[in-house]
Amino acid sequence: MEIGECISLKTHFKVIKITEQLGDEVKKAFETARKQDESSSDSNPRNTWKMIYKFHGIVWNDVFGFYFLANYGTENQRRQQTIMLNDRIIESPLFDEQFLLSEKEYQRYFATVI
């Protein structure tokens, strides 16, 4: 039996840090989008959908507050996940996937490159 060694490829990911400033921006955008959707004669919430895409799956509503929909609008869309300040959304360019990590998990597995 041969046992070899391997090295994983260096992969760069996009990362979005959940901050109070981002939360304020998301909340304001979703409130505006919902008002536009309510005043539209179309029954589809198109403006809300646009905001979900714009904010990479981060959603605000009056019932649940902030939450995250990983891979929104794809076959791999996941159930809503609660997000907290300093959580990170990681976007993989190789697999076209999104993952939500707590700050502790992010610090353990990733280094931020600016």
N, C-alpha and C. Protein backbone atom coordinates (compact mmCIF):
# COMPACT_ATOMS: atom_id res chain seq x y z
N MET A 1 0.85 -1.17 0.00
CA MET A 1 0.00 0.00 0.00
C MET A 1 0.89 1.23 0.00
N GLU A 2 0.58 2.16 -0.90
CA GLU A 2 1.31 3.42 -0.94
C GLU A 2 0.46 4.50 -0.30
N ILE A 3 1.08 5.30 0.53
CA ILE A 3 0.40 6.44 1.14
C ILE A 3 1.13 7.69 0.68
N GLY A 4 0.42 8.51 -0.07
CA GLY A 4 1.03 9.72 -0.59
C GLY A 4 0.58 10.94 0.19
N GLU A 5 1.06 12.07 -0.24
CA GLU A 5 0.67 13.34 0.36
C GLU A 5 0.00 14.20 -0.69
N CYS A 6 -0.87 15.05 -0.25
CA CYS A 6 -1.51 15.98 -1.18
C CYS A 6 -1.64 17.34 -0.53
N ILE A 7 -1.77 18.34 -1.34
CA ILE A 7 -1.93 19.71 -0.86
C ILE A 7 -3.18 20.28 -1.51
N SER A 8 -4.02 20.89 -0.72
CA SER A 8 -5.23 21.48 -1.29
C SER A 8 -4.86 22.75 -2.06
N LEU A 9 -5.63 23.03 -3.09
CA LEU A 9 -5.41 24.23 -3.88
C LEU A 9 -5.83 25.46 -3.09
N LYS A 10 -5.07 26.52 -3.27
CA LYS A 10 -5.47 27.78 -2.64
C LYS A 10 -6.67 28.31 -3.40
N THR A 11 -7.73 28.58 -2.70
CA THR A 11 -8.95 29.09 -3.30
C THR A 11 -9.32 30.40 -2.63
N HIS A 12 -9.63 31.39 -3.43
CA HIS A 12 -10.07 32.67 -2.89
C HIS A 12 -11.59 32.69 -2.89
N PHE A 13 -12.15 33.11 -1.78
CA PHE A 13 -13.59 33.19 -1.62
C PHE A 13 -14.00 34.64 -1.46
N LYS A 14 -15.22 34.95 -1.86
CA LYS A 14 -15.79 36.25 -1.54
C LYS A 14 -16.36 36.14 -0.13
N VAL A 15 -16.23 37.21 0.64
CA VAL A 15 -16.73 37.16 2.01
C VAL A 15 -17.50 38.45 2.30
N ILE A 16 -18.64 38.30 2.97
CA ILE A 16 -19.46 39.43 3.39
C ILE A 16 -19.59 39.36 4.90
N LYS A 17 -19.14 40.40 5.57
CA LYS A 17 -19.24 40.45 7.04
C LYS A 17 -20.54 41.16 7.43
N ILE A 18 -21.28 40.56 8.34
CA ILE A 18 -22.53 41.14 8.81
C ILE A 18 -22.20 42.20 9.86
N THR A 19 -22.52 43.44 9.54
CA THR A 19 -22.25 44.56 10.44
C THR A 19 -23.53 45.34 10.68
N GLU A 20 -23.51 46.24 11.66
CA GLU A 20 -24.68 47.07 11.91
C GLU A 20 -24.99 47.95 10.71
N GLN A 21 -23.95 48.49 10.09
CA GLN A 21 -24.13 49.34 8.91
C GLN A 21 -24.80 48.56 7.78
N LEU A 22 -24.35 47.34 7.54
CA LEU A 22 -24.98 46.50 6.51
C LEU A 22 -26.42 46.21 6.89
N GLY A 23 -26.67 45.93 8.17
CA GLY A 23 -28.03 45.65 8.63
C GLY A 23 -28.96 46.83 8.38
N ASP A 24 -28.48 48.04 8.66
CA ASP A 24 -29.29 49.23 8.41
C ASP A 24 -29.59 49.40 6.92
N GLU A 25 -28.58 49.16 6.10
CA GLU A 25 -28.74 49.28 4.65
C GLU A 25 -29.75 48.25 4.12
N VAL A 26 -29.65 47.02 4.60
CA VAL A 26 -30.56 45.95 4.18
C VAL A 26 -31.99 46.27 4.61
N LYS A 27 -32.16 46.66 5.87
CA LYS A 27 -33.50 46.94 6.38
C LYS A 27 -34.16 48.07 5.58
N LYS A 28 -33.44 49.13 5.33
CA LYS A 28 -33.99 50.26 4.59
C LYS A 28 -34.36 49.84 3.16
N ALA A 29 -33.49 49.08 2.51
CA ALA A 29 -33.75 48.64 1.14
C ALA A 29 -34.98 47.74 1.06
N PHE A 30 -35.12 46.84 2.02
CA PHE A 30 -36.27 45.92 2.01
C PHE A 30 -37.57 46.64 2.33
N GLU A 31 -37.54 47.61 3.22
CA GLU A 31 -38.75 48.37 3.51
C GLU A 31 -39.21 49.13 2.27
N THR A 32 -38.26 49.72 1.54
CA THR A 32 -38.58 50.43 0.30
C THR A 32 -39.12 49.46 -0.75
N ALA A 33 -38.47 48.32 -0.90
CA ALA A 33 -38.90 47.32 -1.89
C ALA A 33 -40.30 46.82 -1.59
N ARG A 34 -40.60 46.57 -0.33
CA ARG A 34 -41.94 46.07 0.02
C ARG A 34 -43.01 47.11 -0.25
N LYS A 35 -42.71 48.38 0.03
CA LYS A 35 -43.67 49.44 -0.28
C LYS A 35 -43.94 49.49 -1.78
N GLN A 36 -42.87 49.37 -2.57
CA GLN A 36 -43.03 49.39 -4.02
C GLN A 36 -43.85 48.17 -4.49
N ASP A 37 -43.60 47.01 -3.89
CA ASP A 37 -44.34 45.81 -4.26
C ASP A 37 -45.82 45.93 -3.90
N GLU A 38 -46.11 46.52 -2.74
CA GLU A 38 -47.49 46.68 -2.30
C GLU A 38 -48.26 47.64 -3.21
N SER A 39 -47.59 48.66 -3.72
CA SER A 39 -48.26 49.65 -4.57
C SER A 39 -48.34 49.20 -6.03
N SER A 40 -47.69 48.12 -6.37
CA SER A 40 -47.70 47.61 -7.75
C SER A 40 -48.96 46.80 -8.01
N SER A 41 -49.41 46.83 -9.25
CA SER A 41 -50.58 46.03 -9.62
C SER A 41 -50.20 44.56 -9.82
N ASP A 42 -48.92 44.30 -9.95
CA ASP A 42 -48.42 42.94 -10.12
C ASP A 42 -48.40 42.24 -8.75
N SER A 43 -48.82 40.99 -8.70
CA SER A 43 -48.87 40.28 -7.41
C SER A 43 -47.53 39.67 -7.01
N ASN A 44 -46.54 39.70 -7.91
CA ASN A 44 -45.22 39.15 -7.59
C ASN A 44 -44.36 40.20 -6.89
N PRO A 45 -43.70 39.82 -5.82
CA PRO A 45 -42.85 40.78 -5.10
C PRO A 45 -41.48 40.96 -5.77
N ARG A 46 -41.49 41.46 -6.98
CA ARG A 46 -40.26 41.56 -7.79
C ARG A 46 -39.18 42.41 -7.13
N ASN A 47 -39.57 43.52 -6.52
CA ASN A 47 -38.58 44.39 -5.89
C ASN A 47 -37.92 43.71 -4.69
N THR A 48 -38.71 42.95 -3.95
CA THR A 48 -38.15 42.19 -2.82
C THR A 48 -37.18 41.13 -3.32
N TRP A 49 -37.54 40.44 -4.38
CA TRP A 49 -36.65 39.43 -4.95
C TRP A 49 -35.34 40.06 -5.40
N LYS A 50 -35.43 41.24 -6.02
CA LYS A 50 -34.21 41.94 -6.46
C LYS A 50 -33.30 42.26 -5.27
N MET A 51 -33.90 42.64 -4.15
CA MET A 51 -33.10 42.97 -2.96
C MET A 51 -32.42 41.72 -2.39
N ILE A 52 -33.10 40.59 -2.45
CA ILE A 52 -32.49 39.34 -1.96
C ILE A 52 -31.25 39.04 -2.80
N TYR A 53 -31.34 39.18 -4.11
CA TYR A 53 -30.17 38.98 -4.98
C TYR A 53 -29.10 40.02 -4.69
N LYS A 54 -29.50 41.28 -4.59
CA LYS A 54 -28.55 42.36 -4.37
C LYS A 54 -27.72 42.13 -3.11
N PHE A 55 -28.38 41.66 -2.05
CA PHE A 55 -27.70 41.47 -0.77
C PHE A 55 -27.27 40.02 -0.55
N HIS A 56 -27.12 39.29 -1.62
CA HIS A 56 -26.53 37.93 -1.59
C HIS A 56 -27.26 36.99 -0.63
N GLY A 57 -28.58 37.10 -0.57
CA GLY A 57 -29.36 36.17 0.26
C GLY A 57 -29.71 36.69 1.64
N ILE A 58 -29.23 37.88 2.01
CA ILE A 58 -29.60 38.47 3.30
C ILE A 58 -30.99 39.08 3.14
N VAL A 59 -31.89 38.78 4.08
CA VAL A 59 -33.28 39.21 3.99
C VAL A 59 -33.68 39.90 5.29
N TRP A 60 -34.55 40.89 5.16
CA TRP A 60 -35.16 41.54 6.33
C TRP A 60 -36.66 41.51 6.14
N ASN A 61 -37.38 41.13 7.21
CA ASN A 61 -38.82 41.35 7.23
C ASN A 61 -39.26 41.60 8.66
N ASP A 62 -40.48 42.13 8.80
CA ASP A 62 -40.97 42.54 10.12
C ASP A 62 -41.24 41.37 11.04
N VAL A 63 -41.45 40.18 10.50
CA VAL A 63 -41.78 39.01 11.33
C VAL A 63 -40.52 38.33 11.85
N PHE A 64 -39.58 37.99 10.96
CA PHE A 64 -38.40 37.22 11.35
C PHE A 64 -37.17 38.08 11.58
N GLY A 65 -37.20 39.34 11.23
CA GLY A 65 -36.01 40.17 11.33
C GLY A 65 -35.04 39.81 10.21
N PHE A 66 -33.76 39.72 10.55
CA PHE A 66 -32.74 39.37 9.57
C PHE A 66 -32.57 37.87 9.49
N TYR A 67 -32.41 37.38 8.27
CA TYR A 67 -32.06 35.98 8.08
C TYR A 67 -31.35 35.83 6.75
N PHE A 68 -30.84 34.64 6.51
CA PHE A 68 -30.02 34.39 5.33
C PHE A 68 -30.58 33.19 4.57
N LEU A 69 -30.69 33.33 3.25
CA LEU A 69 -31.09 32.24 2.37
C LEU A 69 -29.88 31.90 1.49
N ALA A 70 -29.18 30.85 1.82
CA ALA A 70 -28.01 30.46 1.02
C ALA A 70 -28.46 29.98 -0.35
N ASN A 71 -27.74 30.40 -1.36
CA ASN A 71 -27.97 29.97 -2.74
C ASN A 71 -29.37 30.33 -3.23
N TYR A 72 -29.83 31.52 -2.88
CA TYR A 72 -31.18 31.96 -3.21
C TYR A 72 -31.45 31.84 -4.71
N GLY A 73 -32.60 31.28 -5.04
CA GLY A 73 -33.04 31.18 -6.42
C GLY A 73 -32.41 30.06 -7.22
N THR A 74 -31.72 29.15 -6.56
CA THR A 74 -31.10 28.02 -7.27
C THR A 74 -31.70 26.71 -6.76
N GLU A 75 -31.33 25.62 -7.39
CA GLU A 75 -31.79 24.31 -6.92
C GLU A 75 -31.23 23.98 -5.54
N ASN A 76 -30.10 24.59 -5.20
CA ASN A 76 -29.46 24.34 -3.90
C ASN A 76 -29.90 25.31 -2.81
N GLN A 77 -30.96 26.07 -3.04
CA GLN A 77 -31.38 27.03 -2.02
C GLN A 77 -31.64 26.31 -0.72
N ARG A 78 -31.14 26.89 0.36
CA ARG A 78 -31.31 26.27 1.69
C ARG A 78 -32.36 27.01 2.49
N ARG A 79 -32.78 26.38 3.57
CA ARG A 79 -33.78 27.01 4.46
C ARG A 79 -33.17 28.26 5.08
N GLN A 80 -34.03 29.12 5.61
CA GLN A 80 -33.52 30.35 6.19
C GLN A 80 -32.70 30.07 7.44
N GLN A 81 -31.63 30.84 7.60
CA GLN A 81 -30.74 30.71 8.74
C GLN A 81 -30.67 32.05 9.45
N THR A 82 -30.66 32.03 10.77
CA THR A 82 -30.52 33.26 11.54
C THR A 82 -29.10 33.77 11.41
N ILE A 83 -28.96 35.08 11.24
CA ILE A 83 -27.63 35.68 11.17
C ILE A 83 -27.42 36.61 12.35
N MET A 84 -26.18 36.71 12.77
CA MET A 84 -25.79 37.55 13.89
C MET A 84 -24.70 38.53 13.43
N LEU A 85 -24.49 39.58 14.20
CA LEU A 85 -23.39 40.49 13.90
C LEU A 85 -22.08 39.72 13.84
N ASN A 86 -21.23 40.09 12.92
CA ASN A 86 -19.90 39.51 12.69
C ASN A 86 -19.92 38.12 12.07
N ASP A 87 -21.10 37.56 11.77
CA ASP A 87 -21.13 36.33 10.98
C ASP A 87 -20.59 36.66 9.60
N ARG A 88 -20.22 35.63 8.85
CA ARG A 88 -19.69 35.83 7.50
C ARG A 88 -20.45 34.96 6.51
N ILE A 89 -20.72 35.53 5.36
CA ILE A 89 -21.23 34.75 4.24
C ILE A 89 -20.05 34.51 3.32
N ILE A 90 -19.77 33.26 3.07
CA ILE A 90 -18.66 32.87 2.22
C ILE A 90 -19.24 32.40 0.89
N GLU A 91 -18.70 32.92 -0.21
CA GLU A 91 -19.16 32.53 -1.54
C GLU A 91 -18.02 31.85 -2.27
N SER A 92 -18.24 30.63 -2.66
CA SER A 92 -17.22 29.84 -3.34
C SER A 92 -17.31 30.04 -4.85
N PRO A 93 -16.21 30.46 -5.47
CA PRO A 93 -16.23 30.63 -6.92
C PRO A 93 -16.18 29.30 -7.68
N LEU A 94 -15.68 28.27 -7.04
CA LEU A 94 -15.54 26.97 -7.71
C LEU A 94 -16.85 26.20 -7.78
N PHE A 95 -17.62 26.25 -6.69
CA PHE A 95 -18.82 25.43 -6.61
C PHE A 95 -20.10 26.24 -6.68
N ASP A 96 -19.97 27.58 -6.83
CA ASP A 96 -21.13 28.46 -6.90
C ASP A 96 -22.07 28.21 -5.72
N GLU A 97 -21.49 28.19 -4.54
CA GLU A 97 -22.24 27.93 -3.30
C GLU A 97 -22.00 29.04 -2.30
N GLN A 98 -22.92 29.20 -1.37
CA GLN A 98 -22.78 30.14 -0.27
C GLN A 98 -22.87 29.38 1.04
N PHE A 99 -22.11 29.86 2.03
CA PHE A 99 -22.12 29.25 3.35
C PHE A 99 -22.15 30.36 4.40
N LEU A 100 -22.87 30.13 5.48
CA LEU A 100 -22.91 31.07 6.59
C LEU A 100 -22.02 30.52 7.69
N LEU A 101 -21.08 31.34 8.15
CA LEU A 101 -20.17 30.94 9.22
C LEU A 101 -20.24 31.94 10.36
N SER A 102 -20.16 31.45 11.57
CA SER A 102 -20.05 32.34 12.72
C SER A 102 -18.67 32.98 12.69
N GLU A 103 -18.49 34.03 13.46
CA GLU A 103 -17.18 34.69 13.52
C GLU A 103 -16.10 33.72 13.99
N LYS A 104 -16.44 32.89 14.96
CA LYS A 104 -15.47 31.92 15.49
C LYS A 104 -15.05 30.92 14.41
N GLU A 105 -16.01 30.40 13.65
CA GLU A 105 -15.68 29.45 12.58
C GLU A 105 -14.86 30.14 11.49
N TYR A 106 -15.22 31.36 11.17
CA TYR A 106 -14.48 32.10 10.15
C TYR A 106 -13.02 32.29 10.56
N GLN A 107 -12.81 32.72 11.80
CA GLN A 107 -11.45 32.95 12.29
C GLN A 107 -10.65 31.65 12.31
N ARG A 108 -11.29 30.55 12.54
CA ARG A 108 -10.61 29.25 12.60
C ARG A 108 -10.16 28.79 11.22
N TYR A 109 -10.98 29.01 10.19
CA TYR A 109 -10.72 28.41 8.89
C TYR A 109 -10.25 29.36 7.80
N PHE A 110 -10.39 30.66 7.98
CA PHE A 110 -10.08 31.60 6.91
C PHE A 110 -9.18 32.73 7.37
N ALA A 111 -8.46 33.29 6.43
CA ALA A 111 -7.70 34.51 6.65
C ALA A 111 -8.23 35.53 5.66
N THR A 112 -8.49 36.72 6.11
CA THR A 112 -9.04 37.76 5.24
C THR A 112 -7.91 38.38 4.44
N VAL A 113 -8.12 38.46 3.14
CA VAL A 113 -7.15 39.11 2.24
C VAL A 113 -7.79 40.38 1.73
N ILE A 114 -7.11 41.48 1.88
CA ILE A 114 -7.69 42.77 1.45
C ILE A 114 -7.02 43.22 0.18
